[in-house]
Amino acid sequence: MSEKILNIEPMQFPWRTQDPFLFCAHHRDEYPKGNENHGPAVSLSGRNMGADFTIKDGFRMYHGMTVPGFPSHPHRGFETVTITKEGTVDHSDSMGAAGRFGDGDVQWMTAGKGVQHSEMFPLLHQDQENTLEIFQIWLNLPAKSKMVEPYFSMFWHERIPVVAQTVDGAKSELRVIAGAFGDQQALTPAPDSWAADDQHEVAIWTIKLEPNAKLVLPGAQSAEANRTLYFYQGTGLKIEGREINDYHLVDVDSTTELTLEGGSSDCYVLLLQGKPLHEPVVQHGPFVMNTHEQIHQTMLEYGRTQFGGWPWPKSEQVHDPMRGRFAQHADGREEIPS
């Protein structure tokens, strides 16, 4: 094994991550045409409704009963980064904020001291299929930031930096969600995020390699940074000349340059990198704190306050089907991508 490659293993659901990341899941669902309620226009019989995580007929309902997705649920103590590749996600939360994003957009949400939100996947097209592909990534917050005010921001795909290269006619494309690639600096992350300090060297990149394309990834400055590549689709990817089986993750030395080569088909890779927090992690479902006592207090507080309650008429909140992409912030400010 190359000195640059530290470990290779098959990926399980959810994908294994390294500090400062807590969780990573890749969802791809070939949803059928939608019905008048924005759910699948097919029978849902035979599914474990409310906890449907097994692909049947090409899709899953997750926790949704009518619309696929994740109805209102709480979080505390970390951040969620949701990267869309295809499809539509409707966000609503207990702060009164809302949004619709998709087809390359990214939502970055700091749960902080506590927030409820829903992430629904409305099937807006009744005349065609509704494919959805997203990544859901959890990034830990340091102890000093676990009780900050909740916050969310949108990275519209038109503004996300893209590094495109062509070598011998074969193209590669890298989207910089967090961190920097050469002179391409990611958009500003949430203010209390571990990623907000460049010295923590947090990087989130999505990579596409055409057959035989080559891409050299620069090394991080600190040997302390953890770096993992997730090869989730394609055939014949090579890292430092070593062919990697599809649906495998690769832990690498973050400080050295790394050469990626495309295989016999388009190859798709997600990269997660960052300096570890080196803090204790105590997780209970959607709550991530540093001690069991903090988890106990969190559960008591959520039972008492519901983190502000749920201001929306449905736990599976879906926005106006005629509305395009938007973000409505808790302070009333509205964003529409250009």
C-alpha atoms as a PDB file:
ATOM      1  CA  MET A   1       0.000   0.000   0.000  1.00  0.00           C
ATOM      2  CA  SER A   2       1.261   3.466  -0.906  1.00  0.00           C
ATOM      3  CA  GLU A   3       2.579   5.543   1.996  1.00  0.00           C
ATOM      4  CA  LYS A   4       0.000   8.121   0.947  1.00  0.00           C
ATOM      5  CA  ILE A   5      -2.855   5.629   1.295  1.00  0.00           C
ATOM      6  CA  LEU A   6      -3.463   4.710   4.924  1.00  0.00           C
ATOM      7  CA  ASN A   7      -6.579   2.549   4.709  1.00  0.00           C
ATOM      8  CA  ILE A   8      -9.123   1.213   2.204  1.00  0.00           C
ATOM      9  CA  GLU A   9     -12.440  -0.327   3.197  1.00  0.00           C
ATOM     10  CA  PRO A  10     -15.919  -0.920   1.778  1.00  0.00           C
ATOM     11  CA  MET A  11     -18.493   1.711   2.681  1.00  0.00           C
ATOM     12  CA  GLN A  12     -21.474   0.918   4.872  1.00  0.00           C
ATOM     13  CA  PHE A  13     -24.588   3.041   5.424  1.00  0.00           C
ATOM     14  CA  PRO A  14     -24.008   5.572   6.879  1.00  0.00           C
ATOM     15  CA  TRP A  15     -20.432   6.121   5.749  1.00  0.00           C
ATOM     16  CA  ARG A  16     -17.714   6.054   8.399  1.00  0.00           C
ATOM     17  CA  THR A  17     -16.236   9.483   9.064  1.00  0.00           C
ATOM     18  CA  GLN A  18     -13.273  10.937  10.959  1.00  0.00           C
ATOM     19  CA  ASP A  19     -13.166  13.773  13.509  1.00  0.00           C
ATOM     20  CA  PRO A  20     -14.327  16.583  13.025  1.00  0.00           C
ATOM     21  CA  PHE A  21     -17.089  14.896  10.980  1.00  0.00           C
ATOM     22  CA  LEU A  22     -19.730  12.830  12.748  1.00  0.00           C
ATOM     23  CA  PHE A  23     -21.859  11.344   9.979  1.00  0.00           C
ATOM     24  CA  CYS A  24     -22.176  11.124   6.211  1.00  0.00           C
ATOM     25  CA  ALA A  25     -24.974   9.561   4.180  1.00  0.00           C
ATOM     26  CA  HIS A  26     -25.514   9.443   0.438  1.00  0.00           C
ATOM     27  CA  HIS A  27     -29.099   9.161  -0.774  1.00  0.00           C
ATOM     28  CA  ARG A  28     -30.074   8.388  -4.353  1.00  0.00           C
ATOM     29  CA  ASP A  29     -33.704   7.623  -5.024  1.00  0.00           C
ATOM     30  CA  GLU A  30     -35.389   7.146  -8.389  1.00  0.00           C
ATOM     31  CA  TYR A  31     -38.754   8.559  -7.359  1.00  0.00           C
ATOM     32  CA  PRO A  32     -41.645   8.074  -9.766  1.00  0.00           C
ATOM     33  CA  LYS A  33     -44.077  10.729 -10.946  1.00  0.00           C
ATOM     34  CA  GLY A  34     -45.641  12.730  -8.140  1.00  0.00           C
ATOM     35  CA  ASN A  35     -49.277  12.899  -7.078  1.00  0.00           C
ATOM     36  CA  GLU A  36     -51.388  15.865  -5.973  1.00  0.00           C
ATOM     37  CA  ASN A  37     -49.872  15.625  -2.453  1.00  0.00           C
ATOM     38  CA  HIS A  38     -46.251  15.670  -3.778  1.00  0.00           C
ATOM     39  CA  GLY A  39     -45.766  12.038  -2.855  1.00  0.00           C
ATOM     40  CA  PRO A  40     -45.207   9.039  -5.138  1.00  0.00           C
ATOM     41  CA  ALA A  41     -48.058   8.368  -7.561  1.00  0.00           C
ATOM     42  CA  VAL A  42     -47.773   4.631  -6.862  1.00  0.00           C
ATOM     43  CA  SER A  43     -48.869   2.278  -4.111  1.00  0.00           C
ATOM     44  CA  LEU A  44     -46.889   2.457  -0.859  1.00  0.00           C
ATOM     45  CA  SER A  45     -48.070  -0.914   0.390  1.00  0.00           C
ATOM     46  CA  GLY A  46     -45.434  -3.300   1.676  1.00  0.00           C
ATOM     47  CA  ARG A  47     -43.266  -0.512   3.088  1.00  0.00           C
ATOM     48  CA  ASN A  48     -42.257   0.036   6.701  1.00  0.00           C
ATOM     49  CA  MET A  49     -43.909   3.435   6.728  1.00  0.00           C
ATOM     50  CA  GLY A  50     -42.305   5.909   9.103  1.00  0.00           C
ATOM     51  CA  ALA A  51     -38.985   4.064   8.902  1.00  0.00           C
ATOM     52  CA  ASP A  52     -38.679   3.066   5.237  1.00  0.00           C
ATOM     53  CA  PHE A  53     -34.924   2.907   4.582  1.00  0.00           C
ATOM     54  CA  THR A  54     -34.882  -0.103   2.253  1.00  0.00           C
ATOM     55  CA  ILE A  55     -34.926   0.605  -1.477  1.00  0.00           C
ATOM     56  CA  LYS A  56     -38.118  -0.809  -3.016  1.00  0.00           C
ATOM     57  CA  ASP A  57     -38.991  -0.071  -6.637  1.00  0.00           C
ATOM     58  CA  GLY A  58     -36.022   2.295  -6.710  1.00  0.00           C
ATOM     59  CA  PHE A  59     -36.848   4.588  -3.793  1.00  0.00           C
ATOM     60  CA  ARG A  60     -37.327   4.987  -0.048  1.00  0.00           C
ATOM     61  CA  MET A  61     -39.836   7.065   1.933  1.00  0.00           C
ATOM     62  CA  TYR A  62     -37.457   7.502   4.918  1.00  0.00           C
ATOM     63  CA  HIS A  63     -39.589   8.866   7.798  1.00  0.00           C
ATOM     64  CA  GLY A  64     -42.166  10.471   5.506  1.00  0.00           C
ATOM     65  CA  MET A  65     -45.702   9.097   5.502  1.00  0.00           C
ATOM     66  CA  THR A  66     -47.024  11.031   2.482  1.00  0.00           C
ATOM     67  CA  VAL A  67     -44.012  12.929   1.135  1.00  0.00           C
ATOM     68  CA  PRO A  68     -40.580  11.263   1.235  1.00  0.00           C
ATOM     69  CA  GLY A  69     -38.027  12.783   3.576  1.00  0.00           C
ATOM     70  CA  PHE A  70     -37.463  13.644   7.209  1.00  0.00           C
ATOM     71  CA  PRO A  71     -40.409  15.332   8.992  1.00  0.00           C
ATOM     72  CA  SER A  72     -39.805  17.742  11.878  1.00  0.00           C
ATOM     73  CA  HIS A  73     -37.094  16.554  14.268  1.00  0.00           C
ATOM     74  CA  PRO A  74     -34.634  18.250  16.659  1.00  0.00           C
ATOM     75  CA  HIS A  75     -30.863  18.756  16.629  1.00  0.00           C
ATOM     76  CA  ARG A  76     -28.355  20.229  19.060  1.00  0.00           C
ATOM     77  CA  GLY A  77     -24.567  20.558  19.230  1.00  0.00           C
ATOM     78  CA  PHE A  78     -23.416  20.184  15.615  1.00  0.00           C
ATOM     79  CA  GLU A  79     -23.959  21.330  12.024  1.00  0.00           C
ATOM     80  CA  THR A  80     -25.615  19.769   9.007  1.00  0.00           C
ATOM     81  CA  VAL A  81     -24.323  20.275   5.474  1.00  0.00           C
ATOM     82  CA  THR A  82     -26.758  19.097   2.800  1.00  0.00           C
ATOM     83  CA  ILE A  83     -25.383  18.865  -0.734  1.00  0.00           C
ATOM     84  CA  THR A  84     -27.869  18.303  -3.529  1.00  0.00           C
ATOM     85  CA  LYS A  85     -26.896  16.702  -6.827  1.00  0.00           C
ATOM     86  CA  GLU A  86     -30.383  16.212  -8.258  1.00  0.00           C
ATOM     87  CA  GLY A  87     -33.907  16.820  -7.085  1.00  0.00           C
ATOM     88  CA  THR A  88     -35.585  19.189  -4.629  1.00  0.00           C
ATOM     89  CA  VAL A  89     -35.341  19.612  -0.848  1.00  0.00           C
ATOM     90  CA  ASP A  90     -37.833  21.710   1.152  1.00  0.00           C
ATOM     91  CA  HIS A  91     -36.474  23.024   4.477  1.00  0.00           C
ATOM     92  CA  SER A  92     -38.587  24.374   7.348  1.00  0.00           C
ATOM     93  CA  ASP A  93     -37.523  25.020  10.933  1.00  0.00           C
ATOM     94  CA  SER A  94     -38.611  26.098  14.392  1.00  0.00           C
ATOM     95  CA  MET A  95     -37.138  29.575  13.893  1.00  0.00           C
ATOM     96  CA  GLY A  96     -39.698  30.205  11.162  1.00  0.00           C
ATOM     97  CA  ALA A  97     -37.051  29.940   8.458  1.00  0.00           C
ATOM     98  CA  ALA A  98     -37.704  28.015   5.267  1.00  0.00           C
ATOM     99  CA  GLY A  99     -36.204  27.267   1.889  1.00  0.00           C
ATOM    100  CA  ARG A 100     -36.309  25.250  -1.290  1.00  0.00           C
ATOM    101  CA  PHE A 101     -33.054  24.148  -2.879  1.00  0.00           C
ATOM    102  CA  GLY A 102     -31.731  21.543  -5.279  1.00  0.00           C
ATOM    103  CA  ASP A 103     -29.751  20.625  -8.387  1.00  0.00           C
ATOM    104  CA  GLY A 104     -26.344  21.540  -6.969  1.00  0.00           C
ATOM    105  CA  ASP A 105     -27.282  23.892  -4.123  1.00  0.00           C
ATOM    106  CA  VAL A 106     -25.923  23.387  -0.594  1.00  0.00           C
ATOM    107  CA  GLN A 107     -27.550  24.201   2.734  1.00  0.00           C
ATOM    108  CA  TRP A 108     -25.343  24.764   5.789  1.00  0.00           C
ATOM    109  CA  MET A 109     -27.198  24.743   9.118  1.00  0.00           C
ATOM    110  CA  THR A 110     -25.783  25.299  12.595  1.00  0.00           C
ATOM    111  CA  ALA A 111     -28.079  23.563  15.082  1.00  0.00           C
ATOM    112  CA  GLY A 112     -26.215  25.122  18.021  1.00  0.00           C
ATOM    113  CA  LYS A 113     -28.283  25.266  21.193  1.00  0.00           C
ATOM    114  CA  GLY A 114     -31.229  23.603  19.545  1.00  0.00           C
ATOM    115  CA  VAL A 115     -33.513  23.704  16.518  1.00  0.00           C
ATOM    116  CA  GLN A 116     -36.218  21.617  14.950  1.00  0.00           C
ATOM    117  CA  HIS A 117     -36.271  21.273  11.184  1.00  0.00           C
ATOM    118  CA  SER A 118     -37.754  19.168   8.429  1.00  0.00           C
ATOM    119  CA  GLU A 119     -36.148  18.084   5.175  1.00  0.00           C
ATOM    120  CA  MET A 120     -38.785  16.888   2.727  1.00  0.00           C
ATOM    121  CA  PHE A 121     -38.300  15.750  -0.853  1.00  0.00           C
ATOM    122  CA  PRO A 122     -41.452  16.896  -2.675  1.00  0.00           C
ATOM    123  CA  LEU A 123     -42.124  15.162  -5.981  1.00  0.00           C
ATOM    124  CA  LEU A 124     -43.009  18.310  -7.890  1.00  0.00           C
ATOM    125  CA  HIS A 125     -43.231  16.717 -11.337  1.00  0.00           C
ATOM    126  CA  GLN A 126     -46.441  14.861 -12.095  1.00  0.00           C
ATOM    127  CA  ASP A 127     -45.515  14.253 -15.737  1.00  0.00           C
ATOM    128  CA  GLN A 128     -42.041  12.763 -15.246  1.00  0.00           C
ATOM    129  CA  GLU A 129     -39.864  10.930 -12.727  1.00  0.00           C
ATOM    130  CA  ASN A 130     -38.373  12.823  -9.755  1.00  0.00           C
ATOM    131  CA  THR A 131     -34.803  11.603  -9.158  1.00  0.00           C
ATOM    132  CA  LEU A 132     -33.203  12.759  -5.893  1.00  0.00           C
ATOM    133  CA  GLU A 133     -29.503  12.575  -5.008  1.00  0.00           C
ATOM    134  CA  ILE A 134     -28.074  14.274  -1.922  1.00  0.00           C
ATOM    135  CA  PHE A 135     -25.328  14.022   0.691  1.00  0.00           C
ATOM    136  CA  GLN A 136     -26.114  14.655   4.350  1.00  0.00           C
ATOM    137  CA  ILE A 137     -22.999  15.500   6.368  1.00  0.00           C
ATOM    138  CA  TRP A 138     -22.751  16.228  10.097  1.00  0.00           C
ATOM    139  CA  LEU A 139     -19.842  18.439  11.195  1.00  0.00           C
ATOM    140  CA  ASN A 140     -19.163  18.640  14.921  1.00  0.00           C
ATOM    141  CA  LEU A 141     -19.137  21.905  16.869  1.00  0.00           C
ATOM    142  CA  PRO A 142     -16.462  22.524  19.512  1.00  0.00           C
ATOM    143  CA  ALA A 143     -17.590  22.683  23.132  1.00  0.00           C
ATOM    144  CA  LYS A 144     -17.409  26.491  23.134  1.00  0.00           C
ATOM    145  CA  SER A 145     -19.883  26.672  20.233  1.00  0.00           C
ATOM    146  CA  LYS A 146     -22.390  23.951  21.042  1.00  0.00           C
ATOM    147  CA  MET A 147     -24.865  26.419  22.544  1.00  0.00           C
ATOM    148  CA  VAL A 148     -24.639  29.195  19.944  1.00  0.00           C
ATOM    149  CA  GLU A 149     -27.747  30.534  18.252  1.00  0.00           C
ATOM    150  CA  PRO A 150     -29.069  28.363  15.405  1.00  0.00           C
ATOM    151  CA  TYR A 151     -28.237  29.592  11.918  1.00  0.00           C
ATOM    152  CA  PHE A 152     -28.629  28.513   8.317  1.00  0.00           C
ATOM    153  CA  SER A 153     -27.263  29.731   5.018  1.00  0.00           C
ATOM    154  CA  MET A 154     -27.638  28.762   1.383  1.00  0.00           C
ATOM    155  CA  PHE A 155     -24.833  28.186  -1.084  1.00  0.00           C
ATOM    156  CA  TRP A 156     -26.634  28.511  -4.402  1.00  0.00           C
ATOM    157  CA  HIS A 157     -24.984  26.407  -7.073  1.00  0.00           C
ATOM    158  CA  GLU A 158     -24.398  29.444  -9.294  1.00  0.00           C
ATOM    159  CA  ARG A 159     -21.949  30.795  -6.685  1.00  0.00           C
ATOM    160  CA  ILE A 160     -20.104  27.634  -5.633  1.00  0.00           C
ATOM    161  CA  PRO A 161     -16.501  27.701  -6.961  1.00  0.00           C
ATOM    162  CA  VAL A 162     -15.740  25.028  -9.563  1.00  0.00           C
ATOM    163  CA  VAL A 163     -12.262  23.849 -10.590  1.00  0.00           C
ATOM    164  CA  ALA A 164     -12.440  22.394 -14.102  1.00  0.00           C
ATOM    165  CA  GLN A 165      -9.389  20.869 -15.766  1.00  0.00           C
ATOM    166  CA  THR A 166      -8.766  19.057 -19.052  1.00  0.00           C
ATOM    167  CA  VAL A 167      -5.773  16.732 -19.509  1.00  0.00           C
ATOM    168  CA  ASP A 168      -5.352  14.987 -22.879  1.00  0.00           C
ATOM    169  CA  GLY A 169      -8.974  15.711 -23.699  1.00  0.00           C
ATOM    170  CA  ALA A 170     -10.366  14.162 -20.501  1.00  0.00           C
ATOM    171  CA  LYS A 171     -12.143  16.491 -18.064  1.00  0.00           C
ATOM    172  CA  SER A 172     -12.295  16.658 -14.291  1.00  0.00           C
ATOM    173  CA  GLU A 173     -14.530  18.890 -12.197  1.00  0.00           C
ATOM    174  CA  LEU A 174     -14.167  19.707  -8.499  1.00  0.00           C
ATOM    175  CA  ARG A 175     -16.735  21.747  -6.568  1.00  0.00           C
ATOM    176  CA  VAL A 176     -15.375  23.576  -3.513  1.00  0.00           C
ATOM    177  CA  ILE A 177     -18.086  23.401  -0.822  1.00  0.00           C
ATOM    178  CA  ALA A 178     -15.658  24.157   2.039  1.00  0.00           C
ATOM    179  CA  GLY A 179     -11.959  25.010   2.159  1.00  0.00           C
ATOM    180  CA  ALA A 180      -9.853  26.064  -0.788  1.00  0.00           C
ATOM    181  CA  PHE A 181      -8.424  24.439  -3.897  1.00  0.00           C
ATOM    182  CA  GLY A 182      -5.580  26.585  -5.240  1.00  0.00           C
ATOM    183  CA  ASP A 183      -6.979  30.094  -5.586  1.00  0.00           C
ATOM    184  CA  GLN A 184     -10.581  28.882  -5.491  1.00  0.00           C
ATOM    185  CA  GLN A 185     -11.906  29.700  -2.018  1.00  0.00           C
ATOM    186  CA  ALA A 186     -15.237  28.298  -0.832  1.00  0.00           C
ATOM    187  CA  LEU A 187     -18.094  30.549   0.158  1.00  0.00           C
ATOM    188  CA  THR A 188     -18.079  31.757   3.761  1.00  0.00           C
ATOM    189  CA  PRO A 189     -19.305  29.002   6.113  1.00  0.00           C
ATOM    190  CA  ALA A 190     -21.581  29.522   9.096  1.00  0.00           C
ATOM    191  CA  PRO A 191     -19.943  31.980  11.532  1.00  0.00           C
ATOM    192  CA  ASP A 192     -19.615  29.596  14.497  1.00  0.00           C
ATOM    193  CA  SER A 193     -18.552  26.612  12.410  1.00  0.00           C
ATOM    194  CA  TRP A 194     -15.308  24.699  12.944  1.00  0.00           C
ATOM    195  CA  ALA A 195     -14.827  25.422   9.237  1.00  0.00           C
ATOM    196  CA  ALA A 196     -14.940  29.202   9.788  1.00  0.00           C
ATOM    197  CA  ASP A 197     -11.284  29.194  10.903  1.00  0.00           C
ATOM    198  CA  ASP A 198      -9.000  28.444   7.936  1.00  0.00           C
ATOM    199  CA  GLN A 199      -6.418  26.956  10.310  1.00  0.00           C
ATOM    200  CA  HIS A 200      -8.758  24.021  10.898  1.00  0.00           C
ATOM    201  CA  GLU A 201      -8.351  23.117   7.199  1.00  0.00           C
ATOM    202  CA  VAL A 202     -11.896  21.854   6.769  1.00  0.00           C
ATOM    203  CA  ALA A 203     -12.525  20.829   3.165  1.00  0.00           C
ATOM    204  CA  ILE A 204     -15.622  19.404   1.508  1.00  0.00           C
ATOM    205  CA  TRP A 205     -15.160  18.745  -2.208  1.00  0.00           C
ATOM    206  CA  THR A 206     -17.232  16.837  -4.739  1.00  0.00           C
ATOM    207  CA  ILE A 207     -15.246  15.439  -7.662  1.00  0.00           C
ATOM    208  CA  LYS A 208     -16.183  14.068 -11.083  1.00  0.00           C
ATOM    209  CA  LEU A 209     -13.579  12.438 -13.326  1.00  0.00           C
ATOM    210  CA  GLU A 210     -14.278  11.499 -16.910  1.00  0.00           C
ATOM    211  CA  PRO A 211     -12.631   8.282 -18.181  1.00  0.00           C
ATOM    212  CA  ASN A 212      -8.825   8.690 -18.110  1.00  0.00           C
ATOM    213  CA  ALA A 213      -9.021  12.163 -16.573  1.00  0.00           C
ATOM    214  CA  LYS A 214      -6.319  13.164 -14.076  1.00  0.00           C
ATOM    215  CA  LEU A 215      -6.584  15.456 -11.094  1.00  0.00           C
ATOM    216  CA  VAL A 216      -3.907  16.305  -8.533  1.00  0.00           C
ATOM    217  CA  LEU A 217      -5.208  17.219  -5.081  1.00  0.00           C
ATOM    218  CA  PRO A 218      -2.966  19.557  -3.071  1.00  0.00           C
ATOM    219  CA  GLY A 219      -1.847  18.543   0.391  1.00  0.00           C
ATOM    220  CA  ALA A 220      -3.033  20.174   3.588  1.00  0.00           C
ATOM    221  CA  GLN A 221      -0.635  22.264   5.668  1.00  0.00           C
ATOM    222  CA  SER A 222      -1.067  20.282   8.877  1.00  0.00           C
ATOM    223  CA  ALA A 223      -0.295  16.600   9.381  1.00  0.00           C
ATOM    224  CA  GLU A 224      -3.032  16.629  12.018  1.00  0.00           C
ATOM    225  CA  ALA A 225      -5.793  17.002   9.431  1.00  0.00           C
ATOM    226  CA  ASN A 226      -7.830  13.902   8.635  1.00  0.00           C
ATOM    227  CA  ARG A 227      -8.652  13.290   4.957  1.00  0.00           C
ATOM    228  CA  THR A 228     -11.012  10.647   3.552  1.00  0.00           C
ATOM    229  CA  LEU A 229     -12.117  10.067  -0.035  1.00  0.00           C
ATOM    230  CA  TYR A 230     -15.420   8.305  -0.710  1.00  0.00           C
ATOM    231  CA  PHE A 231     -15.590   6.616  -4.131  1.00  0.00           C
ATOM    232  CA  TYR A 232     -19.337   6.175  -4.420  1.00  0.00           C
ATOM    233  CA  GLN A 233     -19.968   5.724  -8.161  1.00  0.00           C
ATOM    234  CA  GLY A 234     -17.965   4.591 -11.173  1.00  0.00           C
ATOM    235  CA  THR A 235     -15.479   1.942 -12.268  1.00  0.00           C
ATOM    236  CA  GLY A 236     -11.682   1.841 -12.276  1.00  0.00           C
ATOM    237  CA  LEU A 237     -10.733   4.891 -10.213  1.00  0.00           C
ATOM    238  CA  LYS A 238      -7.022   4.994  -9.404  1.00  0.00           C
ATOM    239  CA  ILE A 239      -5.491   6.829  -6.455  1.00  0.00           C
ATOM    240  CA  GLU A 240      -1.704   7.088  -6.659  1.00  0.00           C
ATOM    241  CA  GLY A 241      -1.788   4.370  -9.309  1.00  0.00           C
ATOM    242  CA  ARG A 242      -3.775   1.928  -7.168  1.00  0.00           C
ATOM    243  CA  GLU A 243      -7.151   0.875  -8.502  1.00  0.00           C
ATOM    244  CA  ILE A 244      -9.950   1.327  -5.986  1.00  0.00           C
ATOM    245  CA  ASN A 245     -13.046  -0.838  -5.998  1.00  0.00           C
ATOM    246  CA  ASP A 246     -16.285   1.051  -6.343  1.00  0.00           C
ATOM    247  CA  TYR A 247     -18.135   1.998  -3.157  1.00  0.00           C
ATOM    248  CA  HIS A 248     -14.997   2.078  -1.048  1.00  0.00           C
ATOM    249  CA  LEU A 249     -13.568   4.794   1.187  1.00  0.00           C
ATOM    250  CA  VAL A 250      -9.881   5.662   1.315  1.00  0.00           C
ATOM    251  CA  ASP A 251      -8.122   7.338   4.249  1.00  0.00           C
ATOM    252  CA  VAL A 252      -4.999   9.151   3.041  1.00  0.00           C
ATOM    253  CA  ASP A 253      -2.084  11.215   4.289  1.00  0.00           C
ATOM    254  CA  SER A 254      -3.514  14.720   4.095  1.00  0.00           C
ATOM    255  CA  THR A 255      -0.154  16.491   3.747  1.00  0.00           C
ATOM    256  CA  THR A 256       0.912  15.082   0.383  1.00  0.00           C
ATOM    257  CA  GLU A 257      -0.303  15.679  -3.146  1.00  0.00           C
ATOM    258  CA  LEU A 258      -2.623  12.950  -4.361  1.00  0.00           C
ATOM    259  CA  THR A 259      -3.139  11.952  -7.992  1.00  0.00           C
ATOM    260  CA  LEU A 260      -6.580  10.711  -9.025  1.00  0.00           C
ATOM    261  CA  GLU A 261      -7.174   9.038 -12.390  1.00  0.00           C
ATOM    262  CA  GLY A 262     -10.530   8.276 -13.942  1.00  0.00           C
ATOM    263  CA  GLY A 263     -11.352   4.723 -14.960  1.00  0.00           C
ATOM    264  CA  SER A 264     -13.502   3.156 -17.652  1.00  0.00           C
ATOM    265  CA  SER A 265     -16.565   5.202 -16.709  1.00  0.00           C
ATOM    266  CA  ASP A 266     -17.196   8.547 -15.043  1.00  0.00           C
ATOM    267  CA  CYS A 267     -15.972   8.346 -11.433  1.00  0.00           C
ATOM    268  CA  TYR A 268     -17.548  10.299  -8.576  1.00  0.00           C
ATOM    269  CA  VAL A 269     -15.787  11.051  -5.286  1.00  0.00           C
ATOM    270  CA  LEU A 270     -16.611  13.011  -2.129  1.00  0.00           C
ATOM    271  CA  LEU A 271     -13.695  14.337  -0.043  1.00  0.00           C
ATOM    272  CA  LEU A 272     -13.966  15.257   3.641  1.00  0.00           C
ATOM    273  CA  GLN A 273     -11.014  16.798   5.461  1.00  0.00           C
ATOM    274  CA  GLY A 274     -10.366  18.685   8.668  1.00  0.00           C
ATOM    275  CA  LYS A 275      -8.340  19.011  11.828  1.00  0.00           C
ATOM    276  CA  PRO A 276      -9.935  16.973  14.626  1.00  0.00           C
ATOM    277  CA  LEU A 277     -11.524  18.652  17.626  1.00  0.00           C
ATOM    278  CA  HIS A 278     -10.036  16.092  20.028  1.00  0.00           C
ATOM    279  CA  GLU A 279     -13.043  16.499  22.305  1.00  0.00           C
ATOM    280  CA  PRO A 280     -15.265  13.830  23.832  1.00  0.00           C
ATOM    281  CA  VAL A 281     -18.366  13.019  21.779  1.00  0.00           C
ATOM    282  CA  VAL A 282     -21.533  11.815  23.484  1.00  0.00           C
ATOM    283  CA  GLN A 283     -24.375  11.284  21.026  1.00  0.00           C
ATOM    284  CA  HIS A 284     -27.982  10.417  21.687  1.00  0.00           C
ATOM    285  CA  GLY A 285     -29.860  10.317  18.381  1.00  0.00           C
ATOM    286  CA  PRO A 286     -30.016  13.890  17.031  1.00  0.00           C
ATOM    287  CA  PHE A 287     -28.122  15.425  19.988  1.00  0.00           C
ATOM    288  CA  VAL A 288     -24.313  15.595  20.104  1.00  0.00           C
ATOM    289  CA  MET A 289     -22.670  16.965  23.237  1.00  0.00           C
ATOM    290  CA  ASN A 290     -19.507  16.377  25.298  1.00  0.00           C
ATOM    291  CA  THR A 291     -20.918  14.666  28.412  1.00  0.00           C
ATOM    292  CA  HIS A 292     -23.802  12.393  29.381  1.00  0.00           C
ATOM    293  CA  GLU A 293     -25.038  15.082  31.759  1.00  0.00           C
ATOM    294  CA  GLN A 294     -25.295  17.540  28.877  1.00  0.00           C
ATOM    295  CA  ILE A 295     -27.305  14.997  26.903  1.00  0.00           C
ATOM    296  CA  HIS A 296     -29.617  14.522  29.891  1.00  0.00           C
ATOM    297  CA  GLN A 297     -30.110  18.275  30.178  1.00  0.00           C
ATOM    298  CA  THR A 298     -30.742  18.519  26.446  1.00  0.00           C
ATOM    299  CA  MET A 299     -33.487  15.902  26.596  1.00  0.00           C
ATOM    300  CA  LEU A 300     -35.137  17.645  29.540  1.00  0.00           C
ATOM    301  CA  GLU A 301     -34.988  21.006  27.785  1.00  0.00           C
ATOM    302  CA  TYR A 302     -36.347  19.646  24.530  1.00  0.00           C
ATOM    303  CA  GLY A 303     -39.209  17.998  26.375  1.00  0.00           C
ATOM    304  CA  ARG A 304     -39.994  21.313  28.066  1.00  0.00           C
ATOM    305  CA  THR A 305     -39.481  23.789  25.190  1.00  0.00           C
ATOM    306  CA  GLN A 306     -39.503  21.763  21.973  1.00  0.00           C
ATOM    307  CA  PHE A 307     -36.701  24.189  20.980  1.00  0.00           C
ATOM    308  CA  GLY A 308     -39.271  26.858  20.223  1.00  0.00           C
ATOM    309  CA  GLY A 309     -42.052  24.621  18.960  1.00  0.00           C
ATOM    310  CA  TRP A 310     -43.170  23.943  15.398  1.00  0.00           C
ATOM    311  CA  PRO A 311     -44.720  26.967  13.621  1.00  0.00           C
ATOM    312  CA  TRP A 312     -45.731  25.093  10.459  1.00  0.00           C
ATOM    313  CA  PRO A 313     -49.089  23.400   9.749  1.00  0.00           C
ATOM    314  CA  LYS A 314     -47.502  20.011   8.967  1.00  0.00           C
ATOM    315  CA  SER A 315     -44.512  18.061  10.215  1.00  0.00           C
ATOM    316  CA  GLU A 316     -43.982  17.094   6.548  1.00  0.00           C
ATOM    317  CA  GLN A 317     -44.021  20.741   5.478  1.00  0.00           C
ATOM    318  CA  VAL A 318     -43.916  21.289   1.700  1.00  0.00           C
ATOM    319  CA  HIS A 319     -43.837  24.741   0.145  1.00  0.00           C
ATOM    320  CA  ASP A 320     -45.893  26.129  -2.743  1.00  0.00           C
ATOM    321  CA  PRO A 321     -45.263  23.746  -5.653  1.00  0.00           C
ATOM    322  CA  MET A 322     -45.153  26.670  -8.086  1.00  0.00           C
ATOM    323  CA  ARG A 323     -42.381  28.393  -6.173  1.00  0.00           C
ATOM    324  CA  GLY A 324     -38.773  28.131  -7.319  1.00  0.00           C
ATOM    325  CA  ARG A 325     -35.639  28.009  -5.178  1.00  0.00           C
ATOM    326  CA  PHE A 326     -35.632  30.420  -2.241  1.00  0.00           C
ATOM    327  CA  ALA A 327     -34.499  30.951   1.327  1.00  0.00           C
ATOM    328  CA  GLN A 328     -36.618  32.725   3.933  1.00  0.00           C
ATOM    329  CA  HIS A 329     -34.554  33.551   7.023  1.00  0.00           C
ATOM    330  CA  ALA A 330     -35.828  33.878  10.573  1.00  0.00           C
ATOM    331  CA  ASP A 331     -35.281  37.657  10.483  1.00  0.00           C
ATOM    332  CA  GLY A 332     -37.610  37.977   7.481  1.00  0.00           C
ATOM    333  CA  ARG A 333     -34.828  38.375   4.915  1.00  0.00           C
ATOM    334  CA  GLU A 334     -35.522  36.528   1.687  1.00  0.00           C
ATOM    335  CA  GLU A 335     -32.990  35.181  -0.789  1.00  0.00           C
ATOM    336  CA  ILE A 336     -33.674  34.260  -4.394  1.00  0.00           C
ATOM    337  CA  PRO A 337     -30.727  32.861  -6.392  1.00  0.00           C
ATOM    338  CA  SER A 338     -29.700  34.966  -9.346  1.00  0.00           C
END
